[in-house]
């Protein structure tokens, strides 16, 4: 059930085929608060509960206790000028329950370090000071464009 085209295999030729599944999984942040041992994934529509469980156990070696899935309807919106309705694709959501001993926390990918925060604050203060000097320089000549300064 693959959409990829492979060269035809002929006896004696080297094996050129690599069979890859069309399945994919994406870790998503849950909208509501969940227990510590539950992870939420957006999965392809063709995947069943058993496919999700086998995918996580065989590839990532995660112990999976239970998998629950639901199909979330895509959002609909009406075009303002022409009035036709468009709908986004439906998405299958899988809730994976890990053993009680396991704990899953969603990774914080955009965590900033203290040095980065201080550097950003310093550059913001520098730009504010530069803009203030620019305004003070042109204060005595109202109505004169900024590019006309000395």
Protein backbone atom coordinates (compact mmCIF):
# COMPACT_ATOMS: atom_id res chain seq x y z
CA UNK A 1 0.00 0.00 0.00
CA UNK A 2 2.80 2.33 -0.88
CA UNK A 3 2.61 5.36 -3.13
CA UNK A 4 6.28 5.13 -4.07
CA UNK A 5 7.39 3.66 -7.41
CA UNK A 6 10.24 1.19 -7.30
CA UNK A 7 12.28 -0.18 -10.20
CA UNK A 8 11.14 -3.60 -11.33
CA UNK A 9 13.18 -6.38 -9.71
CA UNK A 10 14.62 -8.91 -12.12
CA UNK A 11 16.24 -12.14 -11.04
CA UNK A 12 20.02 -11.79 -10.73
CA UNK A 13 20.01 -8.01 -10.37
CA UNK A 14 20.86 -6.42 -7.05
CA UNK A 15 17.97 -5.66 -4.74
CA UNK A 16 17.10 -1.98 -5.33
CA UNK A 17 13.90 -1.83 -3.33
CA UNK A 18 13.57 -0.41 0.13
CA UNK A 19 10.06 -0.75 1.45
CA UNK A 20 9.08 2.16 3.66
CA UNK A 21 5.68 2.45 5.29
CA UNK A 22 3.47 5.43 4.57
CA UNK A 23 2.80 5.78 8.30
CA UNK A 24 3.85 8.83 10.26
CA UNK A 25 3.41 10.03 13.83
CA UNK A 26 3.77 13.52 15.26
CA UNK A 27 3.98 14.27 18.96
CA UNK A 28 1.54 17.07 19.87
CA UNK A 29 0.93 19.08 23.00
CA UNK A 30 -2.40 18.06 24.56
CA UNK A 31 -5.10 20.72 24.85
CA UNK A 32 -6.29 19.50 28.27
CA UNK A 33 -4.18 18.38 31.19
CA UNK A 34 -3.54 14.64 31.18
CA UNK A 35 -1.94 12.11 33.51
CA UNK A 36 1.86 11.98 33.51
CA UNK A 37 1.98 8.61 31.73
CA UNK A 38 -0.13 9.63 28.67
CA UNK A 39 1.40 10.95 25.42
CA UNK A 40 -0.63 12.43 22.55
CA UNK A 41 0.24 11.85 18.90
CA UNK A 42 -1.20 12.96 15.60
CA UNK A 43 -1.03 9.92 13.32
CA UNK A 44 -1.87 9.11 9.71
CA UNK A 45 -5.50 8.22 9.06
CA UNK A 46 -4.61 4.69 7.90
CA UNK A 47 -3.03 3.69 11.24
CA UNK A 48 -5.03 1.55 13.65
CA UNK A 49 -4.52 1.19 17.40
CA UNK A 50 -2.42 -1.92 16.80
CA UNK A 51 -0.25 -0.15 14.24
CA UNK A 52 0.46 2.68 16.71
CA UNK A 53 1.32 0.22 19.47
CA UNK A 54 3.63 -1.84 17.25
CA UNK A 55 5.25 1.30 15.80
CA UNK A 56 6.20 2.60 19.26
CA UNK A 57 7.22 -0.76 20.67
CA UNK A 58 9.29 -1.99 17.73
CA UNK A 59 10.95 1.23 16.56
CA UNK A 60 11.28 3.27 19.76
CA UNK A 61 11.23 0.39 22.27
CA UNK A 62 8.54 2.09 24.39
CA UNK A 63 6.40 -0.08 26.66
CA UNK A 64 2.80 0.70 25.66
CA UNK A 65 -0.12 -0.32 27.87
CA UNK A 66 -3.06 1.07 25.92
CA UNK A 67 -3.81 3.12 22.80
CA UNK A 68 -7.00 5.11 22.24
CA UNK A 69 -7.69 6.90 18.96
CA UNK A 70 -10.20 9.45 17.77
CA UNK A 71 -10.74 11.36 14.56
CA UNK A 72 -10.76 15.13 14.87
CA UNK A 73 -12.69 16.98 12.20
CA UNK A 74 -10.84 19.64 10.24
CA UNK A 75 -11.87 23.27 10.63
CA UNK A 76 -14.22 24.80 8.08
CA UNK A 77 -14.13 28.40 6.96
CA UNK A 78 -16.02 30.50 4.46
CA UNK A 79 -14.22 32.65 1.89
CA UNK A 80 -15.02 36.33 2.54
CA UNK A 81 -15.26 37.47 -1.07
CA UNK A 82 -16.63 34.51 -3.04
CA UNK A 83 -18.51 32.77 -0.24
CA UNK A 84 -17.40 29.18 -0.85
CA UNK A 85 -16.63 26.90 2.07
CA UNK A 86 -13.26 25.18 2.53
CA UNK A 87 -12.45 22.41 5.00
CA UNK A 88 -9.10 21.31 6.33
CA UNK A 89 -8.23 17.60 6.38
CA UNK A 90 -9.40 15.43 9.27
CA UNK A 91 -6.73 14.29 11.73
CA UNK A 92 -6.47 11.09 13.74
CA UNK A 93 -5.34 11.63 17.33
CA UNK A 94 -3.82 8.75 19.34
CA UNK A 95 -3.59 8.80 23.13
CA UNK A 96 -0.84 6.38 24.21
CA UNK A 97 -0.83 5.19 27.82
CA UNK A 98 2.54 4.15 29.20
CA UNK A 99 3.05 2.03 32.36
CA UNK A 100 2.58 3.81 35.69
CA UNK A 101 6.31 3.74 36.32
CA UNK A 102 6.96 5.75 33.14
CA UNK A 103 6.47 9.51 33.12
CA UNK A 104 6.19 11.61 29.98
CA UNK A 105 6.76 15.36 29.96
CA UNK A 106 6.42 17.36 26.78
CA UNK A 107 9.86 18.73 25.85
CA UNK A 108 10.38 22.48 26.08
CA UNK A 109 12.07 23.18 22.76
CA UNK A 110 12.16 26.94 23.07
CA UNK A 111 13.67 27.26 26.51
CA UNK A 112 16.05 30.22 26.63
CA UNK A 113 19.17 30.30 28.72
CA UNK A 114 19.92 33.15 31.10
CA UNK A 115 22.82 34.40 28.95
CA UNK A 116 20.54 34.63 25.90
CA UNK A 117 17.91 36.52 27.86
CA UNK A 118 20.48 39.00 29.18
CA UNK A 119 21.97 39.51 25.70
CA UNK A 120 18.52 40.16 24.24
CA UNK A 121 17.68 42.64 27.00
CA UNK A 122 21.00 44.45 26.48
CA UNK A 123 20.46 44.76 22.71
CA UNK A 124 16.92 46.03 23.31
CA UNK A 125 18.22 48.67 25.75
CA UNK A 126 20.91 49.71 23.26
CA UNK A 127 18.36 50.15 20.48
CA UNK A 128 16.09 52.16 22.80
CA UNK A 129 18.97 54.46 23.73
CA UNK A 130 19.90 54.94 20.05
CA UNK A 131 16.31 55.85 19.15
CA UNK A 132 16.13 58.28 22.09
CA UNK A 133 19.35 60.00 20.89
CA UNK A 134 17.88 60.24 17.39
CA UNK A 135 14.72 61.90 18.74
CA UNK A 136 16.70 64.31 20.96
CA UNK A 137 18.92 65.33 18.04
CA UNK A 138 15.91 66.43 15.96
CA UNK A 139 13.94 67.96 18.84
CA UNK A 140 14.92 71.58 18.04
CA UNK A 141 13.87 71.26 14.37
CA UNK A 142 10.23 70.10 14.28
CA UNK A 143 8.87 69.15 10.89
CA UNK A 144 12.32 68.43 9.42
CA UNK A 145 12.69 64.91 8.03
CA UNK A 146 15.06 62.55 9.84
CA UNK A 147 17.32 62.06 6.83
CA UNK A 148 18.04 65.83 6.81
CA UNK A 149 20.12 65.70 9.99
CA UNK A 150 23.84 66.33 10.29
